[in-house]
């Protein structure tokens, strides 16, 4: 199996989700199944079918999170000797030359990626283009919308 790269915050969020699924969601769905069984004939019981589907989803997600966390390699970029380069976990402030705006991204693993919160995957086109670059460098990225030009303004390791 391949390793799963996570930031410390990403590992914490996944562990919190796992705990919630086990301590809140699993008992809730078990109770819903028991209640649906009490209504009698299960062959035509939509509540029972829905609860069983929910249980399957929850159990699948629990198994997935346990497997990913078991393979997790938590990386703290502040402890790496990176000499001012973009690495996994770094926060990178960019100037988007086409849009004439500044944007900030954190380079994270695939499980943590969330563009709305400024977290981009190491394997995304922008993530791949930024890795190993330094402040002041210009980066050209092939995106689904065409070529984009970025200038690296600042790199932070938190």
N, C-alpha and C. Protein backbone atom coordinates (compact mmCIF):
# COMPACT_ATOMS: atom_id res chain seq x y z
N UNK A 1 0.84 -1.18 0.00
CA UNK A 1 0.00 0.00 0.00
C UNK A 1 0.88 1.24 0.00
N UNK A 2 0.36 2.30 -0.56
CA UNK A 2 1.13 3.53 -0.61
C UNK A 2 0.84 4.39 0.60
N UNK A 3 1.78 5.21 0.94
CA UNK A 3 1.62 6.07 2.10
C UNK A 3 0.63 7.18 1.80
N UNK A 4 0.03 7.71 2.84
CA UNK A 4 -0.94 8.78 2.72
C UNK A 4 -0.33 10.00 3.40
N UNK A 5 -0.04 11.04 2.61
CA UNK A 5 0.57 12.25 3.17
C UNK A 5 -0.51 13.14 3.76
N UNK A 6 -0.28 13.59 4.99
CA UNK A 6 -1.21 14.47 5.68
C UNK A 6 -0.44 15.53 6.44
N UNK A 7 -1.08 16.69 6.59
CA UNK A 7 -0.57 17.68 7.52
C UNK A 7 -1.08 17.28 8.89
N UNK A 8 -0.54 17.86 9.94
CA UNK A 8 -1.00 17.55 11.30
C UNK A 8 -2.47 17.91 11.44
N UNK A 9 -2.88 19.05 10.91
CA UNK A 9 -4.28 19.48 11.00
C UNK A 9 -5.18 18.53 10.20
N UNK A 10 -4.73 18.07 9.06
CA UNK A 10 -5.52 17.14 8.25
C UNK A 10 -5.72 15.82 8.97
N UNK A 11 -4.67 15.31 9.62
CA UNK A 11 -4.79 14.06 10.37
C UNK A 11 -5.76 14.23 11.53
N UNK A 12 -5.69 15.39 12.18
CA UNK A 12 -6.59 15.68 13.29
C UNK A 12 -8.05 15.72 12.84
N UNK A 13 -8.31 16.34 11.70
CA UNK A 13 -9.68 16.42 11.18
C UNK A 13 -10.22 15.04 10.82
N UNK A 14 -9.39 14.20 10.21
CA UNK A 14 -9.82 12.85 9.86
C UNK A 14 -10.08 12.02 11.12
N UNK A 15 -9.24 12.18 12.13
CA UNK A 15 -9.44 11.46 13.39
C UNK A 15 -10.73 11.91 14.07
N UNK A 16 -11.03 13.21 14.00
CA UNK A 16 -12.28 13.73 14.57
C UNK A 16 -13.49 13.15 13.83
N UNK A 17 -13.40 13.08 12.50
CA UNK A 17 -14.51 12.51 11.73
C UNK A 17 -14.71 11.04 12.09
N UNK A 18 -13.62 10.30 12.23
CA UNK A 18 -13.69 8.89 12.59
C UNK A 18 -14.35 8.72 13.97
N UNK A 19 -13.94 9.54 14.90
CA UNK A 19 -14.52 9.47 16.25
C UNK A 19 -16.03 9.76 16.21
N UNK A 20 -16.43 10.78 15.43
CA UNK A 20 -17.85 11.14 15.32
C UNK A 20 -18.65 10.01 14.68
N UNK A 21 -18.09 9.41 13.65
CA UNK A 21 -18.79 8.30 12.99
C UNK A 21 -19.00 7.13 13.95
N UNK A 22 -17.97 6.82 14.74
CA UNK A 22 -18.06 5.69 15.65
C UNK A 22 -18.94 5.97 16.87
N UNK A 23 -18.85 7.18 17.40
CA UNK A 23 -19.55 7.46 18.66
C UNK A 23 -20.93 8.08 18.50
N UNK A 24 -21.21 8.69 17.35
CA UNK A 24 -22.50 9.36 17.16
C UNK A 24 -23.30 8.72 16.02
N UNK A 25 -22.71 8.66 14.85
CA UNK A 25 -23.46 8.21 13.67
C UNK A 25 -23.78 6.72 13.70
N UNK A 26 -22.81 5.90 14.07
CA UNK A 26 -23.05 4.46 14.11
C UNK A 26 -24.16 4.11 15.10
N UNK A 27 -24.12 4.60 16.36
CA UNK A 27 -25.22 4.29 17.29
C UNK A 27 -26.58 4.83 16.81
N UNK A 28 -26.57 5.99 16.17
CA UNK A 28 -27.82 6.58 15.67
C UNK A 28 -28.45 5.69 14.61
N UNK A 29 -27.65 5.17 13.69
CA UNK A 29 -28.20 4.34 12.62
C UNK A 29 -28.61 2.96 13.14
N UNK A 30 -27.90 2.45 14.14
CA UNK A 30 -28.30 1.17 14.75
C UNK A 30 -29.67 1.32 15.41
N UNK A 31 -29.86 2.45 16.07
CA UNK A 31 -31.16 2.73 16.69
C UNK A 31 -32.26 2.86 15.63
N UNK A 32 -31.95 3.50 14.52
CA UNK A 32 -32.92 3.65 13.43
C UNK A 32 -33.30 2.30 12.83
N UNK A 33 -32.34 1.40 12.72
CA UNK A 33 -32.62 0.05 12.20
C UNK A 33 -33.53 -0.70 13.17
N UNK A 34 -33.23 -0.61 14.46
CA UNK A 34 -34.05 -1.29 15.46
C UNK A 34 -35.47 -0.76 15.45
N UNK A 35 -35.61 0.54 15.30
CA UNK A 35 -36.94 1.15 15.25
C UNK A 35 -37.70 0.71 14.00
N UNK A 36 -37.02 0.65 12.88
CA UNK A 36 -37.66 0.22 11.64
C UNK A 36 -38.08 -1.25 11.71
N UNK A 37 -37.27 -2.08 12.36
CA UNK A 37 -37.62 -3.50 12.53
C UNK A 37 -38.89 -3.66 13.36
N UNK A 38 -39.06 -2.75 14.29
CA UNK A 38 -40.22 -2.83 15.17
C UNK A 38 -41.53 -2.57 14.42
N UNK A 39 -41.41 -1.98 13.23
CA UNK A 39 -42.61 -1.69 12.44
C UNK A 39 -43.12 -2.90 11.67
N UNK A 40 -42.44 -4.02 11.78
CA UNK A 40 -42.96 -5.24 11.16
C UNK A 40 -42.26 -5.64 9.88
N UNK A 41 -43.05 -6.02 8.86
CA UNK A 41 -42.58 -6.59 7.58
C UNK A 41 -41.43 -5.77 6.98
N UNK A 42 -40.24 -6.38 6.93
CA UNK A 42 -39.06 -5.68 6.43
C UNK A 42 -38.99 -5.64 4.91
N UNK A 43 -39.74 -6.51 4.23
CA UNK A 43 -39.66 -6.57 2.77
C UNK A 43 -40.22 -5.31 2.11
N UNK A 44 -41.09 -4.60 2.77
CA UNK A 44 -41.67 -3.38 2.20
C UNK A 44 -41.48 -2.19 3.13
N UNK A 45 -40.39 -2.21 3.87
CA UNK A 45 -40.15 -1.17 4.87
C UNK A 45 -39.05 -0.23 4.36
N UNK A 46 -39.46 0.92 3.83
CA UNK A 46 -38.52 1.88 3.25
C UNK A 46 -37.59 2.46 4.31
N UNK A 47 -38.09 2.65 5.52
CA UNK A 47 -37.26 3.18 6.61
C UNK A 47 -36.11 2.21 6.92
N UNK A 48 -36.43 0.93 6.93
CA UNK A 48 -35.42 -0.08 7.20
C UNK A 48 -34.37 -0.09 6.10
N UNK A 49 -34.81 -0.06 4.84
CA UNK A 49 -33.88 -0.05 3.71
C UNK A 49 -32.97 1.18 3.75
N UNK A 50 -33.55 2.34 4.05
CA UNK A 50 -32.76 3.57 4.12
C UNK A 50 -31.74 3.50 5.26
N UNK A 51 -32.16 2.98 6.40
CA UNK A 51 -31.25 2.87 7.54
C UNK A 51 -30.11 1.88 7.24
N UNK A 52 -30.42 0.79 6.57
CA UNK A 52 -29.38 -0.19 6.22
C UNK A 52 -28.39 0.42 5.21
N UNK A 53 -28.91 1.20 4.25
CA UNK A 53 -28.03 1.87 3.30
C UNK A 53 -27.11 2.85 4.02
N UNK A 54 -27.68 3.60 4.96
CA UNK A 54 -26.90 4.57 5.75
C UNK A 54 -25.83 3.83 6.56
N UNK A 55 -26.20 2.69 7.13
CA UNK A 55 -25.25 1.91 7.92
C UNK A 55 -24.09 1.43 7.04
N UNK A 56 -24.40 0.98 5.85
CA UNK A 56 -23.35 0.51 4.93
C UNK A 56 -22.40 1.66 4.58
N UNK A 57 -22.97 2.83 4.34
CA UNK A 57 -22.13 4.00 4.03
C UNK A 57 -21.22 4.34 5.20
N UNK A 58 -21.78 4.40 6.40
CA UNK A 58 -21.00 4.75 7.60
C UNK A 58 -19.90 3.73 7.84
N UNK A 59 -20.23 2.45 7.75
CA UNK A 59 -19.22 1.41 7.98
C UNK A 59 -18.11 1.47 6.92
N UNK A 60 -18.48 1.78 5.68
CA UNK A 60 -17.48 1.92 4.62
C UNK A 60 -16.56 3.10 4.88
N UNK A 61 -17.13 4.21 5.32
CA UNK A 61 -16.33 5.40 5.60
C UNK A 61 -15.40 5.16 6.80
N UNK A 62 -15.91 4.47 7.82
CA UNK A 62 -15.07 4.13 8.97
C UNK A 62 -13.88 3.29 8.53
N UNK A 63 -14.14 2.27 7.73
CA UNK A 63 -13.06 1.40 7.24
C UNK A 63 -12.05 2.19 6.41
N UNK A 64 -12.55 3.08 5.56
CA UNK A 64 -11.66 3.90 4.73
C UNK A 64 -10.78 4.80 5.59
N UNK A 65 -11.38 5.49 6.57
CA UNK A 65 -10.61 6.39 7.42
C UNK A 65 -9.58 5.63 8.26
N UNK A 66 -9.97 4.48 8.80
CA UNK A 66 -9.02 3.68 9.58
C UNK A 66 -7.84 3.24 8.72
N UNK A 67 -8.10 2.83 7.50
CA UNK A 67 -7.03 2.40 6.60
C UNK A 67 -6.11 3.57 6.25
N UNK A 68 -6.70 4.71 5.92
CA UNK A 68 -5.89 5.88 5.55
C UNK A 68 -5.05 6.36 6.72
N UNK A 69 -5.65 6.42 7.91
CA UNK A 69 -4.90 6.89 9.08
C UNK A 69 -3.79 5.90 9.46
N UNK A 70 -4.01 4.61 9.21
CA UNK A 70 -2.97 3.62 9.50
C UNK A 70 -1.76 3.81 8.58
N UNK A 71 -2.00 4.31 7.37
CA UNK A 71 -0.92 4.52 6.39
C UNK A 71 -0.40 5.96 6.38
N UNK A 72 -0.94 6.79 7.26
CA UNK A 72 -0.64 8.22 7.23
C UNK A 72 0.81 8.52 7.60
N UNK A 73 1.37 9.43 6.85
CA UNK A 73 2.67 9.99 7.18
C UNK A 73 2.43 11.48 7.38
N UNK A 74 2.53 11.91 8.63
CA UNK A 74 2.24 13.31 8.96
C UNK A 74 3.52 14.12 8.78
N UNK A 75 3.39 15.15 7.96
CA UNK A 75 4.56 15.96 7.61
C UNK A 75 4.37 17.37 8.14
N UNK A 76 5.38 17.85 8.86
CA UNK A 76 5.39 19.21 9.37
C UNK A 76 6.46 19.98 8.59
N UNK A 77 6.05 20.87 7.67
CA UNK A 77 7.04 21.55 6.84
C UNK A 77 7.97 22.46 7.63
N UNK A 78 7.54 22.90 8.80
CA UNK A 78 8.39 23.76 9.62
C UNK A 78 9.61 23.04 10.16
N UNK A 79 9.57 21.72 10.19
CA UNK A 79 10.70 20.93 10.71
C UNK A 79 11.62 20.42 9.61
N UNK A 80 11.28 20.72 8.37
CA UNK A 80 12.11 20.26 7.26
C UNK A 80 13.16 21.32 6.92
N UNK A 81 14.29 20.89 6.45
CA UNK A 81 15.33 21.81 5.99
C UNK A 81 15.08 22.03 4.50
N UNK A 82 14.24 23.02 4.19
CA UNK A 82 13.79 23.19 2.81
C UNK A 82 14.39 24.39 2.10
N UNK A 83 15.13 25.21 2.79
CA UNK A 83 15.84 26.34 2.19
C UNK A 83 14.95 27.21 1.31
N UNK A 84 13.77 27.58 1.81
CA UNK A 84 12.91 28.52 1.11
C UNK A 84 12.19 27.98 -0.11
N UNK A 85 12.05 26.69 -0.20
CA UNK A 85 11.37 26.08 -1.34
C UNK A 85 9.94 25.67 -0.97
N UNK A 86 9.09 25.56 -1.99
CA UNK A 86 7.73 25.09 -1.79
C UNK A 86 7.80 23.58 -1.58
N UNK A 87 7.25 23.13 -0.44
CA UNK A 87 7.20 21.71 -0.11
C UNK A 87 5.80 21.38 0.38
N UNK A 88 5.55 20.11 0.60
CA UNK A 88 4.28 19.65 1.13
C UNK A 88 3.99 20.38 2.45
N UNK A 89 2.79 20.89 2.58
CA UNK A 89 2.37 21.57 3.80
C UNK A 89 2.61 23.07 3.81
N UNK A 90 3.41 23.57 2.86
CA UNK A 90 3.72 24.99 2.81
C UNK A 90 2.50 25.80 2.36
N UNK A 91 2.42 27.03 2.88
CA UNK A 91 1.43 28.00 2.42
C UNK A 91 2.15 28.89 1.41
N UNK A 92 1.57 29.01 0.22
CA UNK A 92 2.22 29.73 -0.86
C UNK A 92 1.32 30.88 -1.32
N UNK A 93 1.86 32.09 -1.21
CA UNK A 93 1.13 33.26 -1.70
C UNK A 93 1.58 33.51 -3.14
N UNK A 94 0.60 33.60 -4.04
CA UNK A 94 0.87 33.75 -5.47
C UNK A 94 0.20 34.99 -6.01
N UNK A 95 0.81 35.52 -7.06
CA UNK A 95 0.17 36.58 -7.83
C UNK A 95 -0.26 35.95 -9.15
N UNK A 96 -1.58 35.91 -9.36
CA UNK A 96 -2.14 35.37 -10.60
C UNK A 96 -2.07 36.49 -11.63
N UNK A 97 -1.17 36.35 -12.59
CA UNK A 97 -0.91 37.44 -13.54
C UNK A 97 -2.09 37.69 -14.47
N UNK A 98 -2.84 36.65 -14.82
CA UNK A 98 -3.98 36.83 -15.71
C UNK A 98 -5.14 37.53 -14.99
N UNK A 99 -5.45 37.07 -13.79
CA UNK A 99 -6.56 37.65 -13.03
C UNK A 99 -6.16 38.88 -12.24
N UNK A 100 -4.84 39.15 -12.21
CA UNK A 100 -4.28 40.27 -11.46
C UNK A 100 -4.77 40.27 -10.01
N UNK A 101 -4.71 39.10 -9.38
CA UNK A 101 -5.10 38.97 -7.99
C UNK A 101 -4.07 38.14 -7.25
N UNK A 102 -4.06 38.29 -5.92
CA UNK A 102 -3.21 37.45 -5.09
C UNK A 102 -4.05 36.33 -4.51
N UNK A 103 -3.50 35.13 -4.51
CA UNK A 103 -4.17 33.97 -3.93
C UNK A 103 -3.17 33.24 -3.03
N UNK A 104 -3.70 32.55 -2.04
CA UNK A 104 -2.85 31.76 -1.15
C UNK A 104 -3.36 30.33 -1.13
N UNK A 105 -2.45 29.40 -1.30
CA UNK A 105 -2.78 27.98 -1.26
C UNK A 105 -1.86 27.29 -0.27
N UNK A 106 -2.39 26.21 0.33
CA UNK A 106 -1.55 25.32 1.11
C UNK A 106 -1.46 24.03 0.31
N UNK A 107 -0.26 23.51 0.18
CA UNK A 107 -0.05 22.25 -0.54
C UNK A 107 -0.31 21.10 0.44
N UNK A 108 -1.32 20.28 0.15
CA UNK A 108 -1.73 19.20 1.05
C UNK A 108 -1.89 17.90 0.28
N UNK A 109 -2.20 16.83 1.01
CA UNK A 109 -2.46 15.55 0.39
C UNK A 109 -3.84 15.50 -0.23
N UNK A 110 -4.09 14.48 -1.00
CA UNK A 110 -5.37 14.36 -1.72
C UNK A 110 -6.57 14.30 -0.77
N UNK A 111 -6.41 13.68 0.39
CA UNK A 111 -7.53 13.58 1.33
C UNK A 111 -7.92 14.93 1.92
N UNK A 112 -6.98 15.85 2.00
CA UNK A 112 -7.24 17.15 2.62
C UNK A 112 -7.65 18.23 1.63
N UNK A 113 -7.43 18.00 0.35
CA UNK A 113 -7.64 19.04 -0.65
C UNK A 113 -9.06 19.60 -0.59
N UNK A 114 -9.14 20.92 -0.56
CA UNK A 114 -10.41 21.63 -0.54
C UNK A 114 -10.16 23.03 -1.09
N UNK A 115 -10.42 23.21 -2.36
CA UNK A 115 -10.12 24.46 -3.03
C UNK A 115 -10.81 25.65 -2.37
N UNK A 116 -12.03 25.45 -1.87
CA UNK A 116 -12.76 26.54 -1.23
C UNK A 116 -12.04 27.09 0.00
N UNK A 117 -11.25 26.24 0.67
CA UNK A 117 -10.51 26.71 1.84
C UNK A 117 -9.02 26.93 1.51
N UNK A 118 -8.69 26.94 0.23
CA UNK A 118 -7.33 27.25 -0.19
C UNK A 118 -6.34 26.11 -0.04
N UNK A 119 -6.83 24.89 0.04
CA UNK A 119 -5.95 23.73 0.17
C UNK A 119 -5.96 22.96 -1.14
N UNK A 120 -4.81 22.89 -1.78
CA UNK A 120 -4.73 22.20 -3.06
C UNK A 120 -3.85 20.97 -2.93
N UNK A 121 -4.19 19.96 -3.68
CA UNK A 121 -3.48 18.69 -3.63
C UNK A 121 -2.09 18.82 -4.25
N UNK A 122 -1.19 18.09 -3.63
CA UNK A 122 0.17 17.97 -4.13
C UNK A 122 0.17 17.47 -5.58
N UNK A 123 -0.84 16.67 -5.94
CA UNK A 123 -0.89 16.07 -7.28
C UNK A 123 -1.69 16.90 -8.28
N UNK A 124 -2.24 18.04 -7.84
CA UNK A 124 -2.98 18.90 -8.77
C UNK A 124 -1.98 19.59 -9.70
N UNK A 125 -2.44 20.11 -10.84
CA UNK A 125 -1.51 20.80 -11.74
C UNK A 125 -0.75 21.94 -11.06
N UNK A 126 -1.44 22.74 -10.26
CA UNK A 126 -0.77 23.86 -9.58
C UNK A 126 0.19 23.32 -8.52
N UNK A 127 -0.26 22.33 -7.75
CA UNK A 127 0.59 21.74 -6.73
C UNK A 127 1.88 21.19 -7.30
N UNK A 128 1.75 20.42 -8.39
CA UNK A 128 2.95 19.84 -9.03
C UNK A 128 3.88 20.93 -9.55
N UNK A 129 3.31 21.99 -10.11
CA UNK A 129 4.13 23.06 -10.68
C UNK A 129 4.87 23.86 -9.60
N UNK A 130 4.28 23.96 -8.40
CA UNK A 130 4.88 24.77 -7.34
C UNK A 130 5.97 24.05 -6.56
N UNK A 131 5.87 22.75 -6.43
CA UNK A 131 6.83 21.99 -5.61
C UNK A 131 8.26 22.25 -6.07
N UNK A 132 9.11 22.62 -5.10
CA UNK A 132 10.52 22.84 -5.37
C UNK A 132 10.86 24.25 -5.81
N UNK A 133 9.85 25.07 -6.06
CA UNK A 133 10.11 26.45 -6.51
C UNK A 133 10.39 27.36 -5.31
N UNK A 134 10.92 28.56 -5.59
CA UNK A 134 11.29 29.52 -4.55
C UNK A 134 10.56 30.83 -4.75
N UNK A 135 10.60 31.68 -3.70
CA UNK A 135 9.99 33.00 -3.79
C UNK A 135 10.60 33.77 -4.95
N UNK A 136 9.76 34.52 -5.66
CA UNK A 136 10.21 35.32 -6.79
C UNK A 136 10.15 34.60 -8.12
N UNK A 137 10.07 33.28 -8.10
CA UNK A 137 10.01 32.52 -9.34
C UNK A 137 8.63 32.65 -9.98
N UNK A 138 8.61 32.57 -11.30
CA UNK A 138 7.35 32.54 -12.03
C UNK A 138 7.09 31.10 -12.46
N UNK A 139 5.82 30.74 -12.39
CA UNK A 139 5.42 29.37 -12.68
C UNK A 139 4.31 29.41 -13.71
N UNK A 140 4.45 28.57 -14.73
CA UNK A 140 3.39 28.43 -15.74
C UNK A 140 2.69 27.10 -15.49
N UNK A 141 1.36 27.17 -15.40
CA UNK A 141 0.59 25.98 -15.06
C UNK A 141 -0.46 25.71 -16.14
N UNK A 142 -0.48 24.48 -16.63
CA UNK A 142 -1.51 24.07 -17.58
C UNK A 142 -2.74 23.64 -16.77
N UNK A 143 -3.80 24.42 -16.85
CA UNK A 143 -5.04 24.11 -16.14
C UNK A 143 -6.12 23.78 -17.16
N UNK A 144 -7.24 23.23 -16.71
CA UNK A 144 -8.33 22.95 -17.65
C UNK A 144 -8.80 24.21 -18.40
N UNK A 145 -8.61 25.38 -17.78
CA UNK A 145 -9.01 26.63 -18.42
C UNK A 145 -7.93 27.24 -19.29
N UNK A 146 -6.79 26.57 -19.44
CA UNK A 146 -5.69 27.08 -20.25
C UNK A 146 -4.47 27.36 -19.39
N UNK A 147 -3.43 27.91 -20.02
CA UNK A 147 -2.18 28.22 -19.30
C UNK A 147 -2.38 29.41 -18.37
N UNK A 148 -1.86 29.28 -17.16
CA UNK A 148 -1.92 30.37 -16.17
C UNK A 148 -0.49 30.67 -15.73
N UNK A 149 -0.23 31.94 -15.50
CA UNK A 149 1.08 32.40 -15.02
C UNK A 149 0.95 32.89 -13.59
N UNK A 150 1.80 32.39 -12.72
CA UNK A 150 1.82 32.81 -11.33
C UNK A 150 3.22 33.24 -10.94
N UNK A 151 3.30 34.21 -10.05
CA UNK A 151 4.57 34.58 -9.44
C UNK A 151 4.47 34.21 -7.97
N UNK A 152 5.49 33.54 -7.44
CA UNK A 152 5.50 33.16 -6.04
C UNK A 152 5.96 34.38 -5.22
N UNK A 153 5.05 34.90 -4.42
CA UNK A 153 5.33 36.08 -3.62
C UNK A 153 5.96 35.74 -2.26
N UNK A 154 5.41 34.69 -1.63
CA UNK A 154 5.87 34.35 -0.28
C UNK A 154 5.57 32.88 0.01
N UNK A 155 6.45 32.26 0.78
CA UNK A 155 6.26 30.87 1.21
C UNK A 155 6.35 30.86 2.73
N UNK A 156 5.33 30.25 3.36
CA UNK A 156 5.31 30.14 4.83
C UNK A 156 5.19 28.66 5.23
N UNK A 157 5.85 28.34 6.32
CA UNK A 157 5.80 26.98 6.85
C UNK A 157 5.19 27.06 8.25
N UNK A 158 3.95 26.64 8.40
CA UNK A 158 3.26 26.76 9.69
C UNK A 158 3.00 25.40 10.28
